[in-house]
């Protein structure tokens, strides 16, 4: 969990316009995961593009566009409004 928090902080240090996040909450406890998601959500509201890969279906509510993939192919795509 600590390494993941450091990686997130390091990624944000350069004020990026795009963040690629591979399972950003995977090794975090629930409190830290909620904090990380809130940070990413706030960055997105400020115009930062977040491209995230996750198995955590709870994160869908933060996503403007969701792609479900199977065997390397897009199986389903959904676009939604996020506040």
PDB file of N, CA and C in Angstrom:
ATOM      1  N   UNK A   1       0.801  -1.198   0.000  1.00  0.00           N
ATOM      2  CA  UNK A   1       0.000   0.000   0.000  1.00  0.00           C
ATOM      3  C   UNK A   1       0.843   1.262   0.000  1.00  0.00           C
ATOM      4  N   UNK A   2       1.918   1.255   0.812  1.00  0.00           N
ATOM      5  CA  UNK A   2       2.776   2.439   0.902  1.00  0.00           C
ATOM      6  C   UNK A   2       3.424   2.742  -0.446  1.00  0.00           C
ATOM      7  N   UNK A   3       3.905   1.714  -1.137  1.00  0.00           N
ATOM      8  CA  UNK A   3       4.526   1.917  -2.452  1.00  0.00           C
ATOM      9  C   UNK A   3       3.519   2.503  -3.437  1.00  0.00           C
ATOM     10  N   UNK A   4       2.283   2.056  -3.351  1.00  0.00           N
ATOM     11  CA  UNK A   4       1.250   2.557  -4.259  1.00  0.00           C
ATOM     12  C   UNK A   4       0.955   4.029  -3.976  1.00  0.00           C
ATOM     13  N   UNK A   5       0.897   4.405  -2.704  1.00  0.00           N
ATOM     14  CA  UNK A   5       0.663   5.808  -2.352  1.00  0.00           C
ATOM     15  C   UNK A   5       1.808   6.681  -2.853  1.00  0.00           C
ATOM     16  N   UNK A   6       3.037   6.201  -2.711  1.00  0.00           N
ATOM     17  CA  UNK A   6       4.203   6.952  -3.194  1.00  0.00           C
ATOM     18  C   UNK A   6       4.151   7.086  -4.713  1.00  0.00           C
ATOM     19  N   UNK A   7       3.774   6.021  -5.403  1.00  0.00           N
ATOM     20  CA  UNK A   7       3.681   6.064  -6.867  1.00  0.00           C
ATOM     21  C   UNK A   7       2.635   7.080  -7.317  1.00  0.00           C
ATOM     22  N   UNK A   8       1.516   7.146  -6.624  1.00  0.00           N
ATOM     23  CA  UNK A   8       0.473   8.120  -6.960  1.00  0.00           C
ATOM     24  C   UNK A   8       1.000   9.532  -6.742  1.00  0.00           C
ATOM     25  N   UNK A   9       1.643   9.768  -5.607  1.00  0.00           N
ATOM     26  CA  UNK A   9       2.202  11.094  -5.321  1.00  0.00           C
ATOM     27  C   UNK A   9       3.243  11.485  -6.361  1.00  0.00           C
ATOM     28  N   UNK A  10       4.099  10.557  -6.729  1.00  0.00           N
ATOM     29  CA  UNK A  10       5.137  10.824  -7.729  1.00  0.00           C
ATOM     30  C   UNK A  10       4.507  11.167  -9.083  1.00  0.00           C
ATOM     31  N   UNK A  11       3.455  10.453  -9.442  1.00  0.00           N
ATOM     32  CA  UNK A  11       2.784  10.705 -10.721  1.00  0.00           C
ATOM     33  C   UNK A  11       2.149  12.093 -10.758  1.00  0.00           C
ATOM     34  N   UNK A  12       1.697  12.580  -9.619  1.00  0.00           N
ATOM     35  CA  UNK A  12       1.023  13.873  -9.565  1.00  0.00           C
ATOM     36  C   UNK A  12       1.990  15.042  -9.443  1.00  0.00           C
ATOM     37  N   UNK A  13       3.238  14.781  -9.086  1.00  0.00           N
ATOM     38  CA  UNK A  13       4.215  15.833  -8.805  1.00  0.00           C
ATOM     39  C   UNK A  13       4.480  16.745  -9.999  1.00  0.00           C
ATOM     40  N   UNK A  14       4.379  16.228 -11.210  1.00  0.00           N
ATOM     41  CA  UNK A  14       4.690  17.021 -12.401  1.00  0.00           C
ATOM     42  C   UNK A  14       3.472  17.673 -13.034  1.00  0.00           C
ATOM     43  N   UNK A  15       2.345  17.692 -12.333  1.00  0.00           N
ATOM     44  CA  UNK A  15       1.117  18.311 -12.818  1.00  0.00           C
ATOM     45  C   UNK A  15       0.753  17.814 -14.219  1.00  0.00           C
ATOM     46  N   UNK A  16       0.552  16.500 -14.375  1.00  0.00           N
ATOM     47  CA  UNK A  16       0.306  15.925 -15.706  1.00  0.00           C
ATOM     48  C   UNK A  16      -1.077  16.280 -16.251  1.00  0.00           C
ATOM     49  N   UNK A  17      -1.204  16.244 -17.561  1.00  0.00           N
ATOM     50  CA  UNK A  17      -2.501  16.437 -18.211  1.00  0.00           C
ATOM     51  C   UNK A  17      -3.216  15.107 -18.429  1.00  0.00           C
ATOM     52  N   UNK A  18      -2.441  14.012 -18.426  1.00  0.00           N
ATOM     53  CA  UNK A  18      -2.993  12.660 -18.583  1.00  0.00           C
ATOM     54  C   UNK A  18      -2.368  11.767 -17.522  1.00  0.00           C
ATOM     55  N   UNK A  19      -3.192  10.971 -16.858  1.00  0.00           N
ATOM     56  CA  UNK A  19      -2.705   9.998 -15.878  1.00  0.00           C
ATOM     57  C   UNK A  19      -3.157   8.616 -16.325  1.00  0.00           C
ATOM     58  N   UNK A  20      -2.201   7.707 -16.448  1.00  0.00           N
ATOM     59  CA  UNK A  20      -2.498   6.306 -16.743  1.00  0.00           C
ATOM     60  C   UNK A  20      -2.440   5.556 -15.420  1.00  0.00           C
ATOM     61  N   UNK A  21      -3.558   4.996 -14.992  1.00  0.00           N
ATOM     62  CA  UNK A  21      -3.647   4.357 -13.679  1.00  0.00           C
ATOM     63  C   UNK A  21      -4.038   2.886 -13.836  1.00  0.00           C
ATOM     64  N   UNK A  22      -3.109   2.008 -13.520  1.00  0.00           N
ATOM     65  CA  UNK A  22      -3.348   0.562 -13.608  1.00  0.00           C
ATOM     66  C   UNK A  22      -3.653   0.043 -12.210  1.00  0.00           C
ATOM     67  N   UNK A  23      -4.909  -0.282 -11.954  1.00  0.00           N
ATOM     68  CA  UNK A  23      -5.364  -0.750 -10.631  1.00  0.00           C
ATOM     69  C   UNK A  23      -4.882   0.195  -9.522  1.00  0.00           C
ATOM     70  N   UNK A  24      -5.249   1.488  -9.592  1.00  0.00           N
ATOM     71  CA  UNK A  24      -4.719   2.459  -8.631  1.00  0.00           C
ATOM     72  C   UNK A  24      -5.114   2.211  -7.179  1.00  0.00           C
ATOM     73  N   UNK A  25      -6.153   1.424  -6.944  1.00  0.00           N
ATOM     74  CA  UNK A  25      -6.584   1.159  -5.567  1.00  0.00           C
ATOM     75  C   UNK A  25      -6.318  -0.282  -5.148  1.00  0.00           C
ATOM     76  N   UNK A  26      -5.672  -1.046  -6.000  1.00  0.00           N
ATOM     77  CA  UNK A  26      -5.514  -2.482  -5.798  1.00  0.00           C
ATOM     78  C   UNK A  26      -4.863  -2.908  -4.497  1.00  0.00           C
ATOM     79  N   UNK A  27      -3.830  -2.201  -4.055  1.00  0.00           N
ATOM     80  CA  UNK A  27      -3.103  -2.608  -2.851  1.00  0.00           C
ATOM     81  C   UNK A  27      -3.353  -1.684  -1.667  1.00  0.00           C
ATOM     82  N   UNK A  28      -4.405  -0.882  -1.746  1.00  0.00           N
ATOM     83  CA  UNK A  28      -4.679   0.081  -0.685  1.00  0.00           C
ATOM     84  C   UNK A  28      -5.812  -0.397   0.210  1.00  0.00           C
ATOM     85  N   UNK A  29      -5.750   0.013   1.486  1.00  0.00           N
ATOM     86  CA  UNK A  29      -6.882  -0.254   2.370  1.00  0.00           C
ATOM     87  C   UNK A  29      -8.038   0.637   1.912  1.00  0.00           C
ATOM     88  N   UNK A  30      -9.228   0.376   2.399  1.00  0.00           N
ATOM     89  CA  UNK A  30     -10.414   1.065   1.878  1.00  0.00           C
ATOM     90  C   UNK A  30     -10.350   2.581   2.079  1.00  0.00           C
ATOM     91  N   UNK A  31      -9.829   3.042   3.201  1.00  0.00           N
ATOM     92  CA  UNK A  31      -9.735   4.490   3.448  1.00  0.00           C
ATOM     93  C   UNK A  31      -8.768   5.138   2.464  1.00  0.00           C
ATOM     94  N   UNK A  32      -7.595   4.546   2.291  1.00  0.00           N
ATOM     95  CA  UNK A  32      -6.611   5.088   1.350  1.00  0.00           C
ATOM     96  C   UNK A  32      -7.124   5.013  -0.083  1.00  0.00           C
ATOM     97  N   UNK A  33      -7.831   3.938  -0.419  1.00  0.00           N
ATOM     98  CA  UNK A  33      -8.393   3.793  -1.763  1.00  0.00           C
ATOM     99  C   UNK A  33      -9.411   4.895  -2.030  1.00  0.00           C
ATOM    100  N   UNK A  34     -10.280   5.164  -1.062  1.00  0.00           N
ATOM    101  CA  UNK A  34     -11.269   6.232  -1.219  1.00  0.00           C
ATOM    102  C   UNK A  34     -10.587   7.582  -1.416  1.00  0.00           C
ATOM    103  N   UNK A  35      -9.517   7.832  -0.657  1.00  0.00           N
ATOM    104  CA  UNK A  35      -8.779   9.089  -0.785  1.00  0.00           C
ATOM    105  C   UNK A  35      -8.128   9.199  -2.163  1.00  0.00           C
ATOM    106  N   UNK A  36      -7.534   8.117  -2.647  1.00  0.00           N
ATOM    107  CA  UNK A  36      -6.886   8.124  -3.962  1.00  0.00           C
ATOM    108  C   UNK A  36      -7.907   8.383  -5.062  1.00  0.00           C
ATOM    109  N   UNK A  37      -9.054   7.740  -4.977  1.00  0.00           N
ATOM    110  CA  UNK A  37     -10.103   7.925  -5.983  1.00  0.00           C
ATOM    111  C   UNK A  37     -10.622   9.358  -5.945  1.00  0.00           C
ATOM    112  N   UNK A  38     -10.778   9.914  -4.769  1.00  0.00           N
ATOM    113  CA  UNK A  38     -11.248  11.295  -4.650  1.00  0.00           C
ATOM    114  C   UNK A  38     -10.245  12.266  -5.275  1.00  0.00           C
ATOM    115  N   UNK A  39      -8.958  12.019  -5.071  1.00  0.00           N
ATOM    116  CA  UNK A  39      -7.920  12.851  -5.694  1.00  0.00           C
ATOM    117  C   UNK A  39      -8.019  12.764  -7.214  1.00  0.00           C
ATOM    118  N   UNK A  40      -8.112  11.551  -7.746  1.00  0.00           N
ATOM    119  CA  UNK A  40      -8.220  11.378  -9.196  1.00  0.00           C
ATOM    120  C   UNK A  40      -9.488  12.037  -9.733  1.00  0.00           C
ATOM    121  N   UNK A  41     -10.581  11.894  -9.017  1.00  0.00           N
ATOM    122  CA  UNK A  41     -11.855  12.492  -9.436  1.00  0.00           C
ATOM    123  C   UNK A  41     -11.745  14.018  -9.483  1.00  0.00           C
ATOM    124  N   UNK A  42     -11.142  14.611  -8.459  1.00  0.00           N
ATOM    125  CA  UNK A  42     -10.976  16.066  -8.431  1.00  0.00           C
ATOM    126  C   UNK A  42     -10.052  16.546  -9.545  1.00  0.00           C
ATOM    127  N   UNK A  43      -8.989  15.793  -9.815  1.00  0.00           N
ATOM    128  CA  UNK A  43      -8.107  16.143 -10.928  1.00  0.00           C
ATOM    129  C   UNK A  43      -8.871  16.109 -12.244  1.00  0.00           C
ATOM    130  N   UNK A  44      -9.709  15.097 -12.421  1.00  0.00           N
ATOM    131  CA  UNK A  44     -10.493  14.984 -13.644  1.00  0.00           C
ATOM    132  C   UNK A  44     -11.451  16.162 -13.788  1.00  0.00           C
ATOM    133  N   UNK A  45     -12.057  16.593 -12.686  1.00  0.00           N
ATOM    134  CA  UNK A  45     -12.960  17.740 -12.733  1.00  0.00           C
ATOM    135  C   UNK A  45     -12.217  19.011 -13.130  1.00  0.00           C
ATOM    136  N   UNK A  46     -10.892  19.052 -12.887  1.00  0.00           N
ATOM    137  CA  UNK A  46     -10.068  20.212 -13.268  1.00  0.00           C
ATOM    138  C   UNK A  46      -9.486  20.070 -14.671  1.00  0.00           C
ATOM    139  N   UNK A  47      -9.870  19.011 -15.386  1.00  0.00           N
ATOM    140  CA  UNK A  47      -9.448  18.883 -16.771  1.00  0.00           C
ATOM    141  C   UNK A  47      -8.371  17.858 -17.058  1.00  0.00           C
ATOM    142  N   UNK A  48      -7.887  17.162 -16.040  1.00  0.00           N
ATOM    143  CA  UNK A  48      -6.879  16.123 -16.250  1.00  0.00           C
ATOM    144  C   UNK A  48      -7.582  14.862 -16.751  1.00  0.00           C
ATOM    145  N   UNK A  49      -7.044  14.272 -17.806  1.00  0.00           N
ATOM    146  CA  UNK A  49      -7.593  13.029 -18.343  1.00  0.00           C
ATOM    147  C   UNK A  49      -7.068  11.857 -17.528  1.00  0.00           C
ATOM    148  N   UNK A  50      -7.957  10.996 -17.076  1.00  0.00           N
ATOM    149  CA  UNK A  50      -7.581   9.803 -16.318  1.00  0.00           C
ATOM    150  C   UNK A  50      -7.956   8.585 -17.151  1.00  0.00           C
ATOM    151  N   UNK A  51      -6.975   7.757 -17.454  1.00  0.00           N
ATOM    152  CA  UNK A  51      -7.225   6.482 -18.125  1.00  0.00           C
ATOM    153  C   UNK A  51      -6.893   5.409 -17.101  1.00  0.00           C
ATOM    154  N   UNK A  52      -7.911   4.670 -16.685  1.00  0.00           N
ATOM    155  CA  UNK A  52      -7.746   3.736 -15.578  1.00  0.00           C
ATOM    156  C   UNK A  52      -8.159   2.326 -15.982  1.00  0.00           C
ATOM    157  N   UNK A  53      -7.355   1.367 -15.564  1.00  0.00           N
ATOM    158  CA  UNK A  53      -7.682  -0.048 -15.714  1.00  0.00           C
ATOM    159  C   UNK A  53      -7.966  -0.573 -14.316  1.00  0.00           C
ATOM    160  N   UNK A  54      -9.115  -1.218 -14.137  1.00  0.00           N
ATOM    161  CA  UNK A  54      -9.455  -1.729 -12.810  1.00  0.00           C
ATOM    162  C   UNK A  54     -10.453  -2.877 -12.918  1.00  0.00           C
ATOM    163  N   UNK A  55     -10.464  -3.684 -11.882  1.00  0.00           N
ATOM    164  CA  UNK A  55     -11.484  -4.718 -11.738  1.00  0.00           C
ATOM    165  C   UNK A  55     -12.535  -4.279 -10.715  1.00  0.00           C
ATOM    166  N   UNK A  56     -12.335  -3.103 -10.115  1.00  0.00           N
ATOM    167  CA  UNK A  56     -13.213  -2.593  -9.073  1.00  0.00           C
ATOM    168  C   UNK A  56     -14.419  -1.894  -9.708  1.00  0.00           C
ATOM    169  N   UNK A  57     -15.538  -2.570  -9.751  1.00  0.00           N
ATOM    170  CA  UNK A  57     -16.733  -2.022 -10.387  1.00  0.00           C
ATOM    171  C   UNK A  57     -17.295  -0.811  -9.657  1.00  0.00           C
ATOM    172  N   UNK A  58     -16.906  -0.594  -8.401  1.00  0.00           N
ATOM    173  CA  UNK A  58     -17.362   0.581  -7.662  1.00  0.00           C
ATOM    174  C   UNK A  58     -16.828   1.876  -8.262  1.00  0.00           C
ATOM    175  N   UNK A  59     -15.759   1.790  -9.058  1.00  0.00           N
ATOM    176  CA  UNK A  59     -15.167   2.989  -9.640  1.00  0.00           C
ATOM    177  C   UNK A  59     -15.890   3.459 -10.899  1.00  0.00           C
ATOM    178  N   UNK A  60     -16.822   2.663 -11.395  1.00  0.00           N
ATOM    179  CA  UNK A  60     -17.556   3.037 -12.607  1.00  0.00           C
ATOM    180  C   UNK A  60     -18.288   4.361 -12.419  1.00  0.00           C
ATOM    181  N   UNK A  61     -18.779   4.616 -11.223  1.00  0.00           N
ATOM    182  CA  UNK A  61     -19.559   5.840 -10.996  1.00  0.00           C
ATOM    183  C   UNK A  61     -18.736   7.109 -11.201  1.00  0.00           C
ATOM    184  N   UNK A  62     -17.401   7.000 -11.216  1.00  0.00           N
ATOM    185  CA  UNK A  62     -16.530   8.148 -11.444  1.00  0.00           C
ATOM    186  C   UNK A  62     -16.126   8.287 -12.907  1.00  0.00           C
ATOM    187  N   UNK A  63     -16.571   7.388 -13.754  1.00  0.00           N
ATOM    188  CA  UNK A  63     -16.069   7.303 -15.125  1.00  0.00           C
ATOM    189  C   UNK A  63     -17.049   7.881 -16.137  1.00  0.00           C
ATOM    190  N   UNK A  64     -16.520   8.727 -17.017  1.00  0.00           N
ATOM    191  CA  UNK A  64     -17.327   9.285 -18.101  1.00  0.00           C
ATOM    192  C   UNK A  64     -17.542   8.247 -19.197  1.00  0.00           C
ATOM    193  N   UNK A  65     -16.554   7.403 -19.358  1.00  0.00           N
ATOM    194  CA  UNK A  65     -16.620   6.379 -20.412  1.00  0.00           C
ATOM    195  C   UNK A  65     -16.037   5.090 -19.849  1.00  0.00           C
ATOM    196  N   UNK A  66     -16.757   3.995 -20.043  1.00  0.00           N
ATOM    197  CA  UNK A  66     -16.325   2.696 -19.523  1.00  0.00           C
ATOM    198  C   UNK A  66     -16.264   1.706 -20.678  1.00  0.00           C
ATOM    199  N   UNK A  67     -15.149   1.013 -20.774  1.00  0.00           N
ATOM    200  CA  UNK A  67     -14.984  -0.044 -21.769  1.00  0.00           C
ATOM    201  C   UNK A  67     -14.786  -1.357 -21.030  1.00  0.00           C
ATOM    202  N   UNK A  68     -15.556  -2.364 -21.381  1.00  0.00           N
ATOM    203  CA  UNK A  68     -15.358  -3.707 -20.846  1.00  0.00           C
ATOM    204  C   UNK A  68     -14.590  -4.490 -21.903  1.00  0.00           C
ATOM    205  N   UNK A  69     -13.515  -5.132 -21.473  1.00  0.00           N
ATOM    206  CA  UNK A  69     -12.695  -5.878 -22.426  1.00  0.00           C
ATOM    207  C   UNK A  69     -12.655  -7.353 -22.067  1.00  0.00           C
ATOM    208  N   UNK A  70     -12.546  -8.175 -23.091  1.00  0.00           N
ATOM    209  CA  UNK A  70     -12.400  -9.615 -22.909  1.00  0.00           C
ATOM    210  C   UNK A  70     -11.499 -10.122 -24.024  1.00  0.00           C
ATOM    211  N   UNK A  71     -10.484 -10.857 -23.642  1.00  0.00           N
ATOM    212  CA  UNK A  71      -9.540 -11.427 -24.605  1.00  0.00           C
ATOM    213  C   UNK A  71      -8.954 -10.361 -25.525  1.00  0.00           C
ATOM    214  N   UNK A  72      -8.687  -9.174 -24.958  1.00  0.00           N
ATOM    215  CA  UNK A  72      -8.051  -8.106 -25.715  1.00  0.00           C
ATOM    216  C   UNK A  72      -8.965  -7.317 -26.634  1.00  0.00           C
ATOM    217  N   UNK A  73     -10.252  -7.593 -26.600  1.00  0.00           N
ATOM    218  CA  UNK A  73     -11.210  -6.901 -27.464  1.00  0.00           C
ATOM    219  C   UNK A  73     -12.251  -6.167 -26.626  1.00  0.00           C
ATOM    220  N   UNK A  74     -12.690  -5.009 -27.121  1.00  0.00           N
ATOM    221  CA  UNK A  74     -13.753  -4.271 -26.443  1.00  0.00           C
ATOM    222  C   UNK A  74     -15.053  -5.032 -26.638  1.00  0.00           C
ATOM    223  N   UNK A  75     -15.647  -5.410 -25.517  1.00  0.00           N
ATOM    224  CA  UNK A  75     -16.884  -6.186 -25.534  1.00  0.00           C
ATOM    225  C   UNK A  75     -18.110  -5.285 -25.379  1.00  0.00           C
ATOM    226  N   UNK A  76     -17.933  -4.174 -24.640  1.00  0.00           N
ATOM    227  CA  UNK A  76     -19.052  -3.275 -24.355  1.00  0.00           C
ATOM    228  C   UNK A  76     -18.484  -1.894 -24.060  1.00  0.00           C
ATOM    229  N   UNK A  77     -19.239  -0.858 -24.423  1.00  0.00           N
ATOM    230  CA  UNK A  77     -18.822   0.517 -24.161  1.00  0.00           C
ATOM    231  C   UNK A  77     -20.019   1.312 -23.671  1.00  0.00           C
ATOM    232  N   UNK A  78     -19.816   2.106 -22.612  1.00  0.00           N
ATOM    233  CA  UNK A  78     -20.880   2.931 -22.046  1.00  0.00           C
ATOM    234  C   UNK A  78     -20.317   4.321 -21.783  1.00  0.00           C
ATOM    235  N   UNK A  79     -21.082   5.344 -22.161  1.00  0.00           N
ATOM    236  CA  UNK A  79     -20.735   6.717 -21.812  1.00  0.00           C
ATOM    237  C   UNK A  79     -21.801   7.228 -20.858  1.00  0.00           C
ATOM    238  N   UNK A  80     -21.356   8.020 -19.865  1.00  0.00           N
ATOM    239  CA  UNK A  80     -22.295   8.518 -18.868  1.00  0.00           C
ATOM    240  C   UNK A  80     -21.847   9.886 -18.377  1.00  0.00           C
ATOM    241  N   UNK A  81     -22.783  10.638 -17.819  1.00  0.00           N
ATOM    242  CA  UNK A  81     -22.466  11.931 -17.220  1.00  0.00           C
ATOM    243  C   UNK A  81     -22.037  11.710 -15.783  1.00  0.00           C
ATOM    244  N   UNK A  82     -20.945  12.348 -15.416  1.00  0.00           N
ATOM    245  CA  UNK A  82     -20.419  12.239 -14.053  1.00  0.00           C
ATOM    246  C   UNK A  82     -20.343  13.638 -13.479  1.00  0.00           C
ATOM    247  N   UNK A  83     -20.770  13.793 -12.245  1.00  0.00           N
ATOM    248  CA  UNK A  83     -20.711  15.114 -11.593  1.00  0.00           C
ATOM    249  C   UNK A  83     -19.447  15.277 -10.809  1.00  0.00           C
TER     250      UNK A  83
END
